[in-house]
């Protein structure tokens, strides 16, 4: 290859890398804004986890015949709380876009 072709290929590569960095930097900035706005949902997540930890002591206090139902109820509550947090996060992401 001639030096002229190598210089052209190198310049094209540099331009492509610059374009990639600009696009990636903008996406990273948007992600940081979304993370900053999701701090409120993170606080609500800790509230849910605190209430579920209090519920776990209730399971041990129940008689053996009622423990499986209490375990299922606890798991259902945790799943519902996680779905609420996920839906809140999706709404925040949709509102930022």
N, C-alpha and C. Protein backbone atom coordinates (compact mmCIF):
# COMPACT_ATOMS: atom_id res chain seq x y z
N UNK A 1 0.84 -1.18 0.00
CA UNK A 1 0.00 0.00 0.00
C UNK A 1 0.88 1.25 0.00
N UNK A 2 0.36 2.23 -0.63
CA UNK A 2 1.07 3.49 -0.65
C UNK A 2 0.81 4.24 0.65
N UNK A 3 1.69 5.15 0.95
CA UNK A 3 1.57 5.94 2.17
C UNK A 3 0.30 6.78 2.14
N UNK A 4 -0.08 7.22 0.94
CA UNK A 4 -1.30 8.03 0.81
C UNK A 4 -2.52 7.23 1.26
N UNK A 5 -2.63 5.97 0.87
CA UNK A 5 -3.75 5.13 1.27
C UNK A 5 -3.75 4.87 2.77
N UNK A 6 -2.59 4.64 3.34
CA UNK A 6 -2.49 4.41 4.78
C UNK A 6 -2.93 5.64 5.57
N UNK A 7 -2.56 6.83 5.10
CA UNK A 7 -2.95 8.07 5.78
C UNK A 7 -4.47 8.24 5.70
N UNK A 8 -5.05 7.95 4.58
CA UNK A 8 -6.50 8.07 4.41
C UNK A 8 -7.23 7.09 5.33
N UNK A 9 -6.75 5.85 5.38
CA UNK A 9 -7.36 4.84 6.25
C UNK A 9 -7.23 5.25 7.72
N UNK A 10 -6.06 5.77 8.09
CA UNK A 10 -5.85 6.21 9.47
C UNK A 10 -6.78 7.37 9.82
N UNK A 11 -6.96 8.32 8.92
CA UNK A 11 -7.85 9.45 9.17
C UNK A 11 -9.30 8.99 9.30
N UNK A 12 -9.70 8.06 8.45
CA UNK A 12 -11.07 7.52 8.55
C UNK A 12 -11.26 6.82 9.90
N UNK A 13 -10.27 6.06 10.32
CA UNK A 13 -10.34 5.38 11.62
C UNK A 13 -10.42 6.36 12.77
N UNK A 14 -9.65 7.44 12.70
CA UNK A 14 -9.67 8.45 13.76
C UNK A 14 -11.03 9.12 13.83
N UNK A 15 -11.60 9.46 12.67
CA UNK A 15 -12.92 10.08 12.64
C UNK A 15 -13.97 9.13 13.21
N UNK A 16 -13.88 7.85 12.86
CA UNK A 16 -14.84 6.88 13.39
C UNK A 16 -14.72 6.76 14.90
N UNK A 17 -13.50 6.74 15.42
CA UNK A 17 -13.31 6.67 16.87
C UNK A 17 -13.84 7.92 17.57
N UNK A 18 -13.61 9.08 16.99
CA UNK A 18 -14.13 10.32 17.58
C UNK A 18 -15.66 10.30 17.61
N UNK A 19 -16.28 9.86 16.53
CA UNK A 19 -17.74 9.80 16.48
C UNK A 19 -18.25 8.81 17.54
N UNK A 20 -17.60 7.68 17.67
CA UNK A 20 -18.00 6.70 18.68
C UNK A 20 -17.88 7.28 20.09
N UNK A 21 -16.79 7.98 20.37
CA UNK A 21 -16.60 8.57 21.69
C UNK A 21 -17.64 9.64 21.99
N UNK A 22 -18.00 10.44 21.00
CA UNK A 22 -19.01 11.48 21.21
C UNK A 22 -20.37 10.83 21.50
N UNK A 23 -20.73 9.84 20.72
CA UNK A 23 -22.02 9.16 20.93
C UNK A 23 -22.03 8.45 22.28
N UNK A 24 -20.97 7.75 22.60
CA UNK A 24 -20.88 7.02 23.85
C UNK A 24 -20.88 7.98 25.04
N UNK A 25 -20.23 9.12 24.91
CA UNK A 25 -20.22 10.12 25.98
C UNK A 25 -21.59 10.68 26.25
N UNK A 26 -22.37 10.91 25.18
CA UNK A 26 -23.73 11.42 25.36
C UNK A 26 -24.61 10.38 26.04
N UNK A 27 -24.46 9.12 25.66
CA UNK A 27 -25.25 8.06 26.29
C UNK A 27 -24.88 7.94 27.77
N UNK A 28 -23.59 8.07 28.07
CA UNK A 28 -23.13 7.97 29.45
C UNK A 28 -23.69 9.13 30.27
N UNK A 29 -23.75 10.32 29.69
CA UNK A 29 -24.31 11.47 30.39
C UNK A 29 -25.80 11.24 30.67
N UNK A 30 -26.54 10.70 29.70
CA UNK A 30 -27.96 10.42 29.90
C UNK A 30 -28.15 9.36 30.98
N UNK A 31 -27.27 8.36 31.01
CA UNK A 31 -27.37 7.32 32.04
C UNK A 31 -27.12 7.91 33.42
N UNK A 32 -26.15 8.82 33.53
CA UNK A 32 -25.90 9.45 34.83
C UNK A 32 -27.10 10.26 35.29
N UNK A 33 -27.78 10.95 34.36
CA UNK A 33 -28.96 11.71 34.73
C UNK A 33 -30.08 10.78 35.18
N UNK A 34 -30.23 9.66 34.52
CA UNK A 34 -31.28 8.71 34.90
C UNK A 34 -30.98 8.10 36.27
N UNK A 35 -29.71 7.83 36.53
CA UNK A 35 -29.33 7.28 37.83
C UNK A 35 -29.56 8.31 38.93
N UNK A 36 -29.23 9.55 38.65
CA UNK A 36 -29.44 10.60 39.65
C UNK A 36 -30.92 10.78 39.96
N UNK A 37 -31.77 10.64 38.94
CA UNK A 37 -33.19 10.81 39.17
C UNK A 37 -33.82 9.59 39.82
N UNK A 38 -33.12 8.46 39.79
CA UNK A 38 -33.68 7.24 40.38
C UNK A 38 -33.31 7.08 41.86
N UNK A 39 -32.67 8.09 42.44
CA UNK A 39 -32.32 7.99 43.86
C UNK A 39 -33.57 7.89 44.73
N UNK A 40 -34.64 8.53 44.32
CA UNK A 40 -35.87 8.46 45.09
C UNK A 40 -36.43 7.05 45.10
N UNK A 41 -36.35 6.35 43.97
CA UNK A 41 -36.85 4.97 43.93
C UNK A 41 -35.93 4.05 44.72
N UNK A 42 -34.64 4.37 44.78
CA UNK A 42 -33.73 3.56 45.58
C UNK A 42 -34.07 3.68 47.06
N UNK A 43 -34.49 4.86 47.49
CA UNK A 43 -34.89 5.04 48.88
C UNK A 43 -36.15 4.25 49.16
N UNK A 44 -37.08 4.21 48.22
CA UNK A 44 -38.30 3.42 48.44
C UNK A 44 -37.97 1.94 48.46
N UNK A 45 -36.93 1.51 47.74
CA UNK A 45 -36.52 0.12 47.77
C UNK A 45 -36.04 -0.28 49.15
N UNK A 46 -35.29 0.61 49.81
CA UNK A 46 -34.82 0.30 51.15
C UNK A 46 -35.99 0.23 52.12
N UNK A 47 -37.01 1.01 51.90
CA UNK A 47 -38.19 0.94 52.76
C UNK A 47 -38.85 -0.42 52.60
N UNK A 48 -38.98 -0.90 51.38
CA UNK A 48 -39.59 -2.20 51.15
C UNK A 48 -38.77 -3.31 51.76
N UNK A 49 -37.46 -3.23 51.66
CA UNK A 49 -36.63 -4.30 52.20
C UNK A 49 -36.68 -4.29 53.72
N UNK A 50 -36.81 -3.12 54.34
CA UNK A 50 -36.92 -3.07 55.78
C UNK A 50 -38.22 -3.71 56.25
N UNK A 51 -39.30 -3.46 55.56
CA UNK A 51 -40.58 -4.04 55.97
C UNK A 51 -40.58 -5.55 55.76
N UNK A 52 -39.89 -6.04 54.71
CA UNK A 52 -39.85 -7.48 54.49
C UNK A 52 -38.96 -8.17 55.52
N UNK A 53 -37.93 -7.50 56.03
CA UNK A 53 -37.10 -8.13 57.05
C UNK A 53 -37.86 -8.25 58.36
N UNK A 54 -38.75 -7.31 58.66
CA UNK A 54 -39.57 -7.42 59.84
C UNK A 54 -40.56 -8.57 59.69
N UNK A 55 -41.01 -8.84 58.50
CA UNK A 55 -41.96 -9.91 58.24
C UNK A 55 -41.30 -11.28 58.40
N UNK A 56 -39.99 -11.38 58.19
CA UNK A 56 -39.31 -12.67 58.29
C UNK A 56 -39.30 -13.18 59.72
N UNK A 57 -39.27 -12.30 60.70
CA UNK A 57 -39.33 -12.74 62.09
C UNK A 57 -40.71 -13.29 62.42
N UNK A 58 -41.76 -12.79 61.72
CA UNK A 58 -43.11 -13.29 61.93
C UNK A 58 -43.24 -14.74 61.46
N UNK A 59 -42.52 -15.10 60.42
CA UNK A 59 -42.59 -16.46 59.89
C UNK A 59 -42.09 -17.46 60.92
N UNK A 60 -41.01 -17.15 61.60
CA UNK A 60 -40.46 -18.07 62.58
C UNK A 60 -41.35 -18.18 63.81
N UNK A 61 -42.14 -17.15 64.09
CA UNK A 61 -43.00 -17.16 65.26
C UNK A 61 -44.27 -17.97 65.04
N UNK A 62 -44.60 -18.27 63.80
CA UNK A 62 -45.84 -19.00 63.51
C UNK A 62 -45.65 -20.50 63.74
N UNK A 63 -46.73 -21.21 64.00
CA UNK A 63 -46.64 -22.67 64.15
C UNK A 63 -46.17 -23.32 62.85
N UNK A 64 -45.65 -24.54 62.97
CA UNK A 64 -45.09 -25.23 61.80
C UNK A 64 -46.12 -25.42 60.70
N UNK A 65 -47.37 -25.62 61.02
CA UNK A 65 -48.39 -25.83 60.01
C UNK A 65 -48.67 -24.60 59.18
N UNK A 66 -48.42 -23.41 59.71
CA UNK A 66 -48.68 -22.17 59.00
C UNK A 66 -47.44 -21.56 58.36
N UNK A 67 -46.26 -22.12 58.64
CA UNK A 67 -45.03 -21.55 58.11
C UNK A 67 -44.94 -21.59 56.58
N UNK A 68 -45.33 -22.69 55.91
CA UNK A 68 -45.24 -22.67 54.44
C UNK A 68 -46.09 -21.55 53.82
N UNK A 69 -47.29 -21.33 54.36
CA UNK A 69 -48.13 -20.26 53.84
C UNK A 69 -47.48 -18.91 54.11
N UNK A 70 -46.88 -18.76 55.28
CA UNK A 70 -46.23 -17.49 55.61
C UNK A 70 -45.03 -17.24 54.69
N UNK A 71 -44.32 -18.30 54.36
CA UNK A 71 -43.16 -18.16 53.46
C UNK A 71 -43.63 -17.75 52.07
N UNK A 72 -44.71 -18.37 51.60
CA UNK A 72 -45.25 -18.02 50.28
C UNK A 72 -45.77 -16.58 50.28
N UNK A 73 -46.44 -16.20 51.38
CA UNK A 73 -46.93 -14.82 51.48
C UNK A 73 -45.78 -13.82 51.47
N UNK A 74 -44.70 -14.17 52.17
CA UNK A 74 -43.54 -13.28 52.21
C UNK A 74 -42.93 -13.15 50.82
N UNK A 75 -42.79 -14.28 50.11
CA UNK A 75 -42.22 -14.25 48.76
C UNK A 75 -43.11 -13.45 47.81
N UNK A 76 -44.42 -13.61 47.94
CA UNK A 76 -45.35 -12.86 47.10
C UNK A 76 -45.24 -11.37 47.36
N UNK A 77 -45.12 -11.00 48.62
CA UNK A 77 -44.97 -9.59 48.98
C UNK A 77 -43.69 -9.02 48.39
N UNK A 78 -42.60 -9.77 48.49
CA UNK A 78 -41.32 -9.30 47.93
C UNK A 78 -41.40 -9.16 46.43
N UNK A 79 -42.06 -10.09 45.76
CA UNK A 79 -42.19 -10.01 44.30
C UNK A 79 -43.02 -8.80 43.91
N UNK A 80 -44.11 -8.57 44.62
CA UNK A 80 -44.96 -7.41 44.34
C UNK A 80 -44.20 -6.10 44.56
N UNK A 81 -43.41 -6.04 45.64
CA UNK A 81 -42.62 -4.84 45.90
C UNK A 81 -41.58 -4.62 44.80
N UNK A 82 -40.95 -5.69 44.36
CA UNK A 82 -39.94 -5.57 43.30
C UNK A 82 -40.58 -5.12 41.99
N UNK A 83 -41.78 -5.62 41.69
CA UNK A 83 -42.47 -5.21 40.48
C UNK A 83 -42.86 -3.74 40.54
N UNK A 84 -43.27 -3.27 41.71
CA UNK A 84 -43.62 -1.85 41.86
C UNK A 84 -42.40 -0.97 41.65
N UNK A 85 -41.27 -1.39 42.21
CA UNK A 85 -40.03 -0.62 42.06
C UNK A 85 -39.60 -0.62 40.59
N UNK A 86 -39.69 -1.78 39.93
CA UNK A 86 -39.32 -1.86 38.51
C UNK A 86 -40.22 -0.97 37.65
N UNK A 87 -41.51 -1.00 37.92
CA UNK A 87 -42.41 -0.18 37.12
C UNK A 87 -42.14 1.30 37.36
N UNK A 88 -41.79 1.67 38.59
CA UNK A 88 -41.45 3.07 38.86
C UNK A 88 -40.18 3.47 38.12
N UNK A 89 -39.21 2.58 38.06
CA UNK A 89 -37.97 2.87 37.33
C UNK A 89 -38.23 2.98 35.84
N UNK A 90 -39.07 2.09 35.29
CA UNK A 90 -39.39 2.17 33.87
C UNK A 90 -40.08 3.49 33.54
N UNK A 91 -40.98 3.93 34.42
CA UNK A 91 -41.66 5.19 34.20
C UNK A 91 -40.68 6.36 34.22
N UNK A 92 -39.69 6.30 35.13
CA UNK A 92 -38.69 7.35 35.19
C UNK A 92 -37.83 7.36 33.94
N UNK A 93 -37.44 6.18 33.46
CA UNK A 93 -36.63 6.11 32.25
C UNK A 93 -37.42 6.62 31.06
N UNK A 94 -38.70 6.24 30.98
CA UNK A 94 -39.53 6.72 29.88
C UNK A 94 -39.71 8.22 29.94
N UNK A 95 -39.84 8.78 31.13
CA UNK A 95 -40.04 10.22 31.24
C UNK A 95 -38.77 10.99 30.91
N UNK A 96 -37.59 10.39 31.14
CA UNK A 96 -36.35 11.08 30.81
C UNK A 96 -36.07 11.04 29.32
N UNK A 97 -36.62 10.05 28.62
CA UNK A 97 -36.38 9.96 27.18
C UNK A 97 -37.41 10.80 26.52
